């Protein structure tokens, strides 16, 4: 029974890592408009987000081994799919101006 609790914890940790990664991406993209040094902001954000995710996955691997890492990646994948579906649904609901032929 405790093994399933550990696996569930790994899934939650993977979901939290994904939430931090994609939340940081959302914050970065939203904050880009009208700011200088776009490449520095995007590069720095990517570095910090990747470092945090890799550190988190490494901690899960050290804590529980490959099985826990696989469950954490499953949690990451679940959150990623949820975010993509939510954003895609929002984009489909946004009206797009039709192009006028000249």
N, C-alpha and C. Protein backbone atom coordinates (compact mmCIF):
# COMPACT_ATOMS: atom_id res chain seq x y z
N UNK A 1 0.82 -1.20 0.00
CA UNK A 1 0.00 0.00 0.00
C UNK A 1 0.86 1.25 0.00
N UNK A 2 1.96 1.25 0.74
CA UNK A 2 2.79 2.45 0.80
C UNK A 2 3.48 2.71 -0.54
N UNK A 3 3.69 1.67 -1.33
CA UNK A 3 4.30 1.86 -2.63
C UNK A 3 3.41 2.71 -3.53
N UNK A 4 2.10 2.51 -3.47
CA UNK A 4 1.17 3.31 -4.27
C UNK A 4 1.13 4.76 -3.80
N UNK A 5 1.33 4.96 -2.51
CA UNK A 5 1.39 6.34 -1.99
C UNK A 5 2.65 7.02 -2.53
N UNK A 6 3.75 6.28 -2.58
CA UNK A 6 4.98 6.84 -3.13
C UNK A 6 4.82 7.14 -4.61
N UNK A 7 4.19 6.24 -5.35
CA UNK A 7 3.96 6.48 -6.77
C UNK A 7 3.04 7.68 -6.98
N UNK A 8 2.02 7.79 -6.17
CA UNK A 8 1.12 8.95 -6.26
C UNK A 8 1.86 10.24 -5.96
N UNK A 9 2.74 10.20 -4.97
CA UNK A 9 3.54 11.38 -4.66
C UNK A 9 4.44 11.75 -5.84
N UNK A 10 5.00 10.74 -6.50
CA UNK A 10 5.85 11.00 -7.66
C UNK A 10 5.04 11.64 -8.79
N UNK A 11 3.81 11.18 -8.98
CA UNK A 11 2.94 11.78 -10.02
C UNK A 11 2.66 13.24 -9.68
N UNK A 12 2.37 13.51 -8.42
CA UNK A 12 2.09 14.89 -8.00
C UNK A 12 3.32 15.77 -8.17
N UNK A 13 4.49 15.24 -7.81
CA UNK A 13 5.73 16.01 -7.98
C UNK A 13 5.97 16.31 -9.45
N UNK A 14 5.77 15.32 -10.33
CA UNK A 14 5.92 15.56 -11.76
C UNK A 14 4.94 16.60 -12.27
N UNK A 15 3.71 16.56 -11.76
CA UNK A 15 2.73 17.57 -12.14
C UNK A 15 3.12 18.96 -11.67
N UNK A 16 3.67 19.05 -10.46
CA UNK A 16 4.11 20.34 -9.95
C UNK A 16 5.30 20.88 -10.76
N UNK A 17 6.20 19.97 -11.14
CA UNK A 17 7.33 20.40 -11.98
C UNK A 17 6.82 20.93 -13.32
N UNK A 18 5.87 20.24 -13.91
CA UNK A 18 5.30 20.70 -15.18
C UNK A 18 4.57 22.03 -14.99
N UNK A 19 3.84 22.16 -13.90
CA UNK A 19 3.15 23.41 -13.64
C UNK A 19 4.12 24.57 -13.52
N UNK A 20 5.24 24.35 -12.84
CA UNK A 20 6.26 25.39 -12.74
C UNK A 20 6.90 25.70 -14.08
N UNK A 21 7.16 24.66 -14.87
CA UNK A 21 7.79 24.86 -16.18
C UNK A 21 6.87 25.63 -17.11
N UNK A 22 5.64 25.16 -17.27
CA UNK A 22 4.73 25.81 -18.20
C UNK A 22 4.20 27.13 -17.65
N UNK A 23 4.09 27.25 -16.35
CA UNK A 23 3.73 28.54 -15.76
C UNK A 23 4.81 29.58 -16.00
N UNK A 24 6.07 29.16 -15.89
CA UNK A 24 7.17 30.07 -16.19
C UNK A 24 7.19 30.47 -17.65
N UNK A 25 6.89 29.53 -18.52
CA UNK A 25 6.82 29.84 -19.95
C UNK A 25 5.70 30.83 -20.22
N UNK A 26 4.55 30.61 -19.62
CA UNK A 26 3.41 31.51 -19.82
C UNK A 26 3.75 32.91 -19.32
N UNK A 27 4.38 32.99 -18.15
CA UNK A 27 4.75 34.29 -17.59
C UNK A 27 5.77 34.99 -18.49
N UNK A 28 6.74 34.24 -19.01
CA UNK A 28 7.76 34.82 -19.86
C UNK A 28 7.17 35.37 -21.15
N UNK A 29 6.33 34.58 -21.81
CA UNK A 29 5.74 35.01 -23.07
C UNK A 29 4.81 36.19 -22.85
N UNK A 30 4.07 36.17 -21.78
CA UNK A 30 3.15 37.27 -21.49
C UNK A 30 3.91 38.56 -21.19
N UNK A 31 5.08 38.44 -20.60
CA UNK A 31 5.86 39.60 -20.19
C UNK A 31 6.77 40.13 -21.30
N UNK A 32 6.84 39.46 -22.44
CA UNK A 32 7.75 39.87 -23.51
C UNK A 32 7.31 41.13 -24.23
N UNK A 33 6.03 41.35 -24.34
CA UNK A 33 5.52 42.47 -25.11
C UNK A 33 6.04 43.79 -24.54
N UNK A 34 6.72 44.54 -25.39
CA UNK A 34 7.18 45.86 -25.01
C UNK A 34 8.42 45.87 -24.15
N UNK A 35 9.10 44.74 -24.00
CA UNK A 35 10.30 44.72 -23.17
C UNK A 35 11.52 44.55 -24.06
N UNK A 36 12.64 45.06 -23.62
CA UNK A 36 13.88 44.94 -24.37
C UNK A 36 14.58 43.63 -24.06
N UNK A 37 15.59 43.33 -24.83
CA UNK A 37 16.43 42.16 -24.65
C UNK A 37 15.62 40.86 -24.66
N UNK A 38 14.91 40.64 -25.75
CA UNK A 38 14.06 39.45 -25.85
C UNK A 38 14.85 38.17 -25.76
N UNK A 39 15.99 38.11 -26.46
CA UNK A 39 16.78 36.87 -26.47
C UNK A 39 17.29 36.55 -25.08
N UNK A 40 17.72 37.56 -24.34
CA UNK A 40 18.20 37.32 -22.98
C UNK A 40 17.09 36.82 -22.07
N UNK A 41 15.91 37.41 -22.20
CA UNK A 41 14.79 36.97 -21.37
C UNK A 41 14.35 35.55 -21.70
N UNK A 42 14.23 35.26 -23.00
CA UNK A 42 13.83 33.91 -23.40
C UNK A 42 14.88 32.88 -23.03
N UNK A 43 16.14 33.20 -23.28
CA UNK A 43 17.22 32.27 -22.94
C UNK A 43 17.35 32.05 -21.45
N UNK A 44 17.26 33.11 -20.68
CA UNK A 44 17.33 32.98 -19.23
C UNK A 44 16.17 32.20 -18.66
N UNK A 45 15.00 32.47 -19.20
CA UNK A 45 13.81 31.74 -18.75
C UNK A 45 13.92 30.26 -19.08
N UNK A 46 14.36 29.96 -20.31
CA UNK A 46 14.52 28.56 -20.69
C UNK A 46 15.54 27.86 -19.79
N UNK A 47 16.66 28.52 -19.53
CA UNK A 47 17.68 27.93 -18.67
C UNK A 47 17.13 27.65 -17.27
N UNK A 48 16.46 28.61 -16.68
CA UNK A 48 15.92 28.43 -15.33
C UNK A 48 14.84 27.35 -15.29
N UNK A 49 13.96 27.35 -16.29
CA UNK A 49 12.89 26.34 -16.31
C UNK A 49 13.45 24.94 -16.50
N UNK A 50 14.41 24.79 -17.42
CA UNK A 50 15.02 23.48 -17.64
C UNK A 50 15.82 23.03 -16.42
N UNK A 51 16.57 23.94 -15.82
CA UNK A 51 17.34 23.59 -14.64
C UNK A 51 16.42 23.13 -13.50
N UNK A 52 15.33 23.84 -13.30
CA UNK A 52 14.40 23.44 -12.25
C UNK A 52 13.76 22.08 -12.52
N UNK A 53 13.36 21.86 -13.76
CA UNK A 53 12.73 20.57 -14.11
C UNK A 53 13.73 19.42 -13.98
N UNK A 54 14.93 19.61 -14.50
CA UNK A 54 15.93 18.55 -14.42
C UNK A 54 16.34 18.27 -12.98
N UNK A 55 16.46 19.32 -12.18
CA UNK A 55 16.79 19.13 -10.76
C UNK A 55 15.68 18.37 -10.05
N UNK A 56 14.43 18.70 -10.37
CA UNK A 56 13.31 18.00 -9.77
C UNK A 56 13.24 16.53 -10.16
N UNK A 57 13.44 16.25 -11.46
CA UNK A 57 13.44 14.86 -11.90
C UNK A 57 14.62 14.09 -11.34
N UNK A 58 15.76 14.75 -11.21
CA UNK A 58 16.92 14.10 -10.61
C UNK A 58 16.64 13.76 -9.15
N UNK A 59 15.98 14.68 -8.44
CA UNK A 59 15.64 14.41 -7.03
C UNK A 59 14.68 13.23 -6.92
N UNK A 60 13.71 13.13 -7.82
CA UNK A 60 12.79 12.00 -7.81
C UNK A 60 13.54 10.71 -8.10
N UNK A 61 14.47 10.75 -9.04
CA UNK A 61 15.26 9.56 -9.37
C UNK A 61 16.10 9.11 -8.18
N UNK A 62 16.72 10.05 -7.50
CA UNK A 62 17.52 9.71 -6.33
C UNK A 62 16.65 9.20 -5.19
N UNK A 63 15.45 9.75 -5.06
CA UNK A 63 14.56 9.37 -3.98
C UNK A 63 14.01 7.97 -4.16
N UNK A 64 13.54 7.65 -5.38
CA UNK A 64 12.83 6.39 -5.51
C UNK A 64 13.27 5.48 -6.63
N UNK A 65 14.14 5.92 -7.52
CA UNK A 65 14.58 5.07 -8.61
C UNK A 65 13.80 5.32 -9.89
N UNK A 66 14.00 4.41 -10.84
CA UNK A 66 13.44 4.62 -12.16
C UNK A 66 11.93 4.50 -12.21
N UNK A 67 11.35 3.65 -11.36
CA UNK A 67 9.89 3.53 -11.35
C UNK A 67 9.25 4.85 -10.91
N UNK A 68 9.79 5.47 -9.89
CA UNK A 68 9.26 6.75 -9.43
C UNK A 68 9.46 7.83 -10.49
N UNK A 69 10.61 7.78 -11.17
CA UNK A 69 10.86 8.73 -12.24
C UNK A 69 9.84 8.58 -13.36
N UNK A 70 9.50 7.34 -13.69
CA UNK A 70 8.50 7.10 -14.74
C UNK A 70 7.14 7.65 -14.33
N UNK A 71 6.76 7.48 -13.07
CA UNK A 71 5.48 8.03 -12.61
C UNK A 71 5.51 9.56 -12.59
N UNK A 72 6.67 10.13 -12.24
CA UNK A 72 6.79 11.60 -12.26
C UNK A 72 6.67 12.13 -13.68
N UNK A 73 7.26 11.42 -14.62
CA UNK A 73 7.13 11.83 -16.02
C UNK A 73 5.69 11.68 -16.51
N UNK A 74 5.00 10.69 -15.98
CA UNK A 74 3.57 10.56 -16.30
C UNK A 74 2.77 11.75 -15.79
N UNK A 75 3.10 12.21 -14.59
CA UNK A 75 2.45 13.41 -14.06
C UNK A 75 2.76 14.63 -14.90
N UNK A 76 4.00 14.74 -15.36
CA UNK A 76 4.41 15.84 -16.25
C UNK A 76 3.59 15.79 -17.54
N UNK A 77 3.49 14.60 -18.12
CA UNK A 77 2.77 14.44 -19.38
C UNK A 77 1.29 14.77 -19.21
N UNK A 78 0.69 14.36 -18.10
CA UNK A 78 -0.71 14.67 -17.84
C UNK A 78 -0.94 16.17 -17.80
N UNK A 79 -0.09 16.89 -17.08
CA UNK A 79 -0.24 18.34 -16.97
C UNK A 79 0.01 19.00 -18.32
N UNK A 80 0.99 18.50 -19.07
CA UNK A 80 1.28 19.06 -20.39
C UNK A 80 0.08 18.91 -21.32
N UNK A 81 -0.53 17.75 -21.34
CA UNK A 81 -1.70 17.52 -22.19
C UNK A 81 -2.85 18.43 -21.74
N UNK A 82 -3.04 18.57 -20.45
CA UNK A 82 -4.10 19.43 -19.92
C UNK A 82 -3.88 20.88 -20.34
N UNK A 83 -2.64 21.35 -20.24
CA UNK A 83 -2.33 22.74 -20.61
C UNK A 83 -2.55 22.95 -22.11
N UNK A 84 -2.09 22.02 -22.93
CA UNK A 84 -2.24 22.17 -24.38
C UNK A 84 -3.72 22.17 -24.77
N UNK A 85 -4.50 21.30 -24.17
CA UNK A 85 -5.94 21.29 -24.49
C UNK A 85 -6.62 22.56 -24.03
N UNK A 86 -6.22 23.08 -22.90
CA UNK A 86 -6.83 24.31 -22.40
C UNK A 86 -6.47 25.49 -23.29
N UNK A 87 -5.21 25.59 -23.68
CA UNK A 87 -4.78 26.70 -24.54
C UNK A 87 -5.36 26.55 -25.93
N UNK A 88 -5.39 25.34 -26.47
CA UNK A 88 -5.95 25.12 -27.80
C UNK A 88 -7.43 25.47 -27.82
N UNK A 89 -8.16 25.10 -26.80
CA UNK A 89 -9.58 25.45 -26.73
C UNK A 89 -9.78 26.94 -26.67
N UNK A 90 -8.91 27.63 -25.99
CA UNK A 90 -9.00 29.08 -25.90
C UNK A 90 -8.68 29.72 -27.25
N UNK A 91 -7.72 29.14 -27.97
CA UNK A 91 -7.38 29.68 -29.28
C UNK A 91 -8.49 29.46 -30.29
N UNK A 92 -9.15 28.31 -30.23
CA UNK A 92 -10.24 28.03 -31.17
C UNK A 92 -11.43 28.95 -30.92
N UNK A 93 -11.60 29.40 -29.69
CA UNK A 93 -12.72 30.26 -29.37
C UNK A 93 -12.46 31.71 -29.74
N UNK A 94 -11.19 32.04 -30.03
CA UNK A 94 -10.84 33.40 -30.37
C UNK A 94 -11.14 33.66 -31.84
N UNK A 95 -11.94 34.68 -32.14
CA UNK A 95 -12.25 34.95 -33.55
C UNK A 95 -11.00 35.48 -34.27
N UNK A 96 -10.82 35.02 -35.47
CA UNK A 96 -9.67 35.44 -36.28
C UNK A 96 -10.21 36.28 -37.44
N UNK A 97 -9.58 37.42 -37.65
CA UNK A 97 -10.00 38.28 -38.77
C UNK A 97 -9.67 37.58 -40.08
N UNK A 98 -10.63 37.59 -40.98
CA UNK A 98 -10.41 36.96 -42.27
C UNK A 98 -9.52 37.85 -43.14
N UNK A 99 -8.66 37.20 -43.92
CA UNK A 99 -7.78 37.97 -44.78
C UNK A 99 -8.58 38.49 -45.97
N UNK A 100 -8.32 39.72 -46.32
CA UNK A 100 -8.99 40.35 -47.45
C UNK A 100 -8.07 40.25 -48.65
N UNK A 101 -8.60 39.68 -49.73
CA UNK A 101 -7.79 39.56 -50.94
C UNK A 101 -7.72 40.90 -51.63
N UNK A 102 -6.51 41.26 -52.04
CA UNK A 102 -6.31 42.55 -52.71
C UNK A 102 -6.28 42.38 -54.20
